[in-house]
């Protein structure tokens, strides 16, 4: 029996309507389905200087994709140090931490206290300096640890008077570190800054 044109048209219309209904259900499901949670990393809540890491200076934020080496948590009991300044909103990565700083073979991170805080304020991580040790008035200062790279400049503690100078961390050999330890105990340390190649 040959179906009439209206019957065939009505069947096709029902199939098309069913297909649109299925698409509507699928679209509604996709729209209401909970979104996959984005990876959460820590970002700086304010501009930060190089120095001791404070968990209160960071907050979690979702970043897709997260940067390589992103730090997701900071233990309040862990002593960590920022090797360089950070801008507000910048994600924290392992490359920003002094513990992750790649030192050339044979070099160590050496804390040194500079006598003049104003001179230390001219430095930034990556600066190249030579330490000058002055042991006695009227005697020329002696060069120590020439062409040493500044790794970081820790934030000054309010409990340490500025008259005690400013602390910086240098990349030196272990022999230079020993010589600097002796110089800090018996001499006044100043710096000569090597210009960056431009």
Protein backbone atom coordinates (compact mmCIF):
# COMPACT_ATOMS: atom_id res chain seq x y z
CA UNK A 1 0.00 0.00 0.00
CA UNK A 2 1.47 3.32 -1.05
CA UNK A 3 1.46 5.90 1.73
CA UNK A 4 -0.01 9.26 0.91
CA UNK A 5 2.22 12.35 0.77
CA UNK A 6 0.70 13.85 3.94
CA UNK A 7 1.48 10.65 5.88
CA UNK A 8 5.09 10.60 4.71
CA UNK A 9 5.48 14.33 5.47
CA UNK A 10 4.01 13.91 8.94
CA UNK A 11 6.41 11.05 9.77
CA UNK A 12 9.43 13.08 8.65
CA UNK A 13 8.23 16.07 10.65
CA UNK A 14 7.96 13.91 13.77
CA UNK A 15 11.51 12.57 13.21
CA UNK A 16 12.88 16.10 12.77
CA UNK A 17 11.03 17.25 15.89
CA UNK A 18 12.42 14.30 17.87
CA UNK A 19 15.95 15.12 16.68
CA UNK A 20 15.59 18.77 17.74
CA UNK A 21 14.22 17.66 21.10
CA UNK A 22 17.23 15.40 21.63
CA UNK A 23 19.59 18.24 20.74
CA UNK A 24 17.77 20.53 23.20
CA UNK A 25 18.17 17.98 25.98
CA UNK A 26 21.87 17.55 25.18
CA UNK A 27 22.43 21.33 25.13
CA UNK A 28 20.65 21.72 28.46
CA UNK A 29 22.79 18.95 29.97
CA UNK A 30 26.03 20.56 28.75
CA UNK A 31 24.94 23.96 30.03
CA UNK A 32 24.10 22.71 33.51
CA UNK A 33 26.92 20.19 33.87
CA UNK A 34 29.42 21.27 36.57
CA UNK A 35 32.53 22.70 34.94
CA UNK A 36 35.75 20.80 35.49
CA UNK A 37 37.67 22.52 38.23
CA UNK A 38 40.59 24.59 36.88
CA UNK A 39 44.05 24.00 38.41
CA UNK A 40 44.66 26.31 41.37
CA UNK A 41 48.04 27.98 41.86
CA UNK A 42 49.33 30.66 44.22
CA UNK A 43 49.62 34.25 42.99
CA UNK A 44 51.05 37.31 44.71
CA UNK A 45 48.46 39.42 46.54
CA UNK A 46 50.69 42.50 46.28
CA UNK A 47 54.03 43.59 44.84
CA UNK A 48 56.73 41.62 46.67
CA UNK A 49 60.43 42.25 47.17
CA UNK A 50 62.98 39.46 47.20
CA UNK A 51 63.35 37.95 50.65
CA UNK A 52 61.68 35.56 53.10
CA UNK A 53 58.48 34.02 51.77
CA UNK A 54 55.29 34.85 53.72
CA UNK A 55 52.25 32.62 52.93
CA UNK A 56 49.98 35.59 53.78
CA UNK A 57 51.31 37.41 50.70
CA UNK A 58 49.70 34.88 48.33
CA UNK A 59 46.21 33.67 47.46
CA UNK A 60 44.96 30.77 45.30
CA UNK A 61 43.77 31.45 41.76
CA UNK A 62 42.62 29.23 38.90
CA UNK A 63 44.90 29.30 35.85
CA UNK A 64 44.41 27.26 32.67
CA UNK A 65 46.91 26.02 31.83
CA UNK A 66 48.99 26.47 34.99
CA UNK A 67 52.59 27.64 34.44
CA UNK A 68 55.34 25.03 34.60
CA UNK A 69 56.65 24.57 38.13
CA UNK A 70 53.66 26.36 39.68
CA UNK A 71 53.61 26.33 43.48
CA UNK A 72 50.20 25.26 44.83
CA UNK A 73 50.79 25.38 48.59
CA UNK A 74 53.22 27.01 51.02
CA UNK A 75 53.91 25.39 54.35
CA UNK A 76 53.94 28.06 57.12
CA UNK A 77 56.70 26.11 58.86
CA UNK A 78 58.96 25.91 55.79
CA UNK A 79 61.64 28.59 55.51
CA UNK A 80 61.73 29.70 51.87
CA UNK A 81 63.08 32.79 50.15
CA UNK A 82 62.04 34.66 47.02
CA UNK A 83 65.07 35.01 44.75
CA UNK A 84 63.57 38.00 42.88
CA UNK A 85 60.74 40.54 43.20
CA UNK A 86 57.20 39.61 42.10
CA UNK A 87 54.33 41.73 40.80
CA UNK A 88 50.80 41.55 42.22
CA UNK A 89 48.86 38.81 40.42
CA UNK A 90 52.00 36.98 39.24
CA UNK A 91 51.91 33.18 39.78
CA UNK A 92 54.54 31.72 42.10
CA UNK A 93 56.78 29.10 40.48
CA UNK A 94 59.72 27.07 41.76
CA UNK A 95 62.09 29.24 39.69
CA UNK A 96 61.25 32.19 41.99
CA UNK A 97 62.49 30.37 45.09
CA UNK A 98 66.09 30.66 46.22
CA UNK A 99 66.15 26.93 46.99
CA UNK A 100 65.48 26.33 43.29
CA UNK A 101 68.08 28.80 42.04
CA UNK A 102 70.43 27.05 39.63
CA UNK A 103 73.96 27.71 40.88
CA UNK A 104 76.88 26.85 38.61
CA UNK A 105 78.94 23.86 39.82
CA UNK A 106 81.32 24.78 42.62
CA UNK A 107 79.36 27.86 43.81
CA UNK A 108 77.35 28.31 47.00
CA UNK A 109 74.81 30.90 48.21
CA UNK A 110 76.62 33.20 50.67
CA UNK A 111 74.82 35.77 52.87
CA UNK A 112 76.82 39.00 53.27
CA UNK A 113 75.97 42.13 55.25
CA UNK A 114 76.90 45.39 53.49
CA UNK A 115 77.74 48.33 55.75
CA UNK A 116 75.88 50.98 53.72
CA UNK A 117 72.13 50.24 53.23
CA UNK A 118 71.90 52.99 50.59
CA UNK A 119 74.56 51.24 48.49
CA UNK A 120 72.77 47.90 48.86
CA UNK A 121 69.55 49.57 47.67
CA UNK A 122 71.21 50.08 44.27
CA UNK A 123 71.39 46.31 43.78
CA UNK A 124 68.91 43.86 42.38
CA UNK A 125 69.02 40.09 41.84
CA UNK A 126 71.39 39.44 38.95
CA UNK A 127 73.68 42.41 39.71
CA UNK A 128 77.41 41.70 39.50
CA UNK A 129 79.53 43.19 42.28
CA UNK A 130 82.95 43.04 43.92
CA UNK A 131 83.17 43.16 47.70
CA UNK A 132 85.66 45.62 49.23
CA UNK A 133 86.91 44.96 52.77
CA UNK A 134 88.33 47.89 54.72
CA UNK A 135 90.27 46.67 57.76
CA UNK A 136 91.74 49.95 59.01
CA UNK A 137 91.35 53.65 58.37
CA UNK A 138 93.87 54.95 55.87
CA UNK A 139 94.60 51.48 54.51
CA UNK A 140 93.30 50.74 50.99
CA UNK A 141 90.38 48.36 50.91
CA UNK A 142 91.04 44.84 49.66
CA UNK A 143 88.97 43.17 46.95
CA UNK A 144 87.10 40.02 47.97
CA UNK A 145 84.95 37.78 45.77
CA UNK A 146 85.30 39.80 42.53
CA UNK A 147 82.50 39.66 39.96
CA UNK A 148 80.04 37.88 42.25
CA UNK A 149 76.39 37.66 41.25
CA UNK A 150 73.65 38.83 43.61
CA UNK A 151 71.11 36.03 44.08
CA UNK A 152 68.63 37.82 46.28
CA UNK A 153 68.22 40.73 48.70
CA UNK A 154 66.17 39.62 51.72
CA UNK A 155 63.64 42.03 53.16
CA UNK A 156 65.02 43.98 56.08
CA UNK A 157 63.67 42.88 59.44
CA UNK A 158 62.22 45.60 61.68
CA UNK A 159 64.13 44.03 64.58
CA UNK A 160 67.50 44.65 62.89
CA UNK A 161 68.69 48.30 63.06
CA UNK A 162 69.66 49.87 59.74
CA UNK A 163 73.03 50.75 61.30
CA UNK A 164 73.86 47.05 61.04
CA UNK A 165 73.83 47.33 57.24
CA UNK A 166 71.88 45.40 54.62
CA UNK A 167 71.92 41.68 53.93
CA UNK A 168 72.44 40.35 50.42
CA UNK A 169 73.01 36.79 49.16
CA UNK A 170 75.81 36.17 46.66
CA UNK A 171 76.93 33.25 44.51
CA UNK A 172 80.54 32.56 45.57
CA UNK A 173 83.01 29.72 45.83
CA UNK A 174 83.32 28.05 49.21
CA UNK A 175 86.79 29.62 49.58
CA UNK A 176 85.34 33.09 48.95
CA UNK A 177 82.55 32.36 51.42
CA UNK A 178 85.12 31.59 54.12
CA UNK A 179 87.06 34.75 53.32
CA UNK A 180 83.86 36.82 53.45
CA UNK A 181 82.95 35.34 56.84
CA UNK A 182 86.32 36.45 58.19
CA UNK A 183 86.01 39.89 56.61
CA UNK A 184 82.55 40.45 58.08
CA UNK A 185 83.94 39.80 61.54
CA UNK A 186 86.93 42.14 61.22
CA UNK A 187 86.31 44.66 58.43
CA UNK A 188 83.78 47.08 57.01
CA UNK A 189 82.34 45.78 53.75
CA UNK A 190 81.37 47.94 50.79
CA UNK A 191 80.66 47.16 47.15
CA UNK A 192 81.70 48.08 43.64
CA UNK A 193 78.95 47.48 41.06
CA UNK A 194 79.87 46.19 37.62
CA UNK A 195 77.82 47.83 34.85
CA UNK A 196 75.46 45.53 33.00
CA UNK A 197 76.53 44.96 29.40
CA UNK A 198 74.31 47.04 27.16
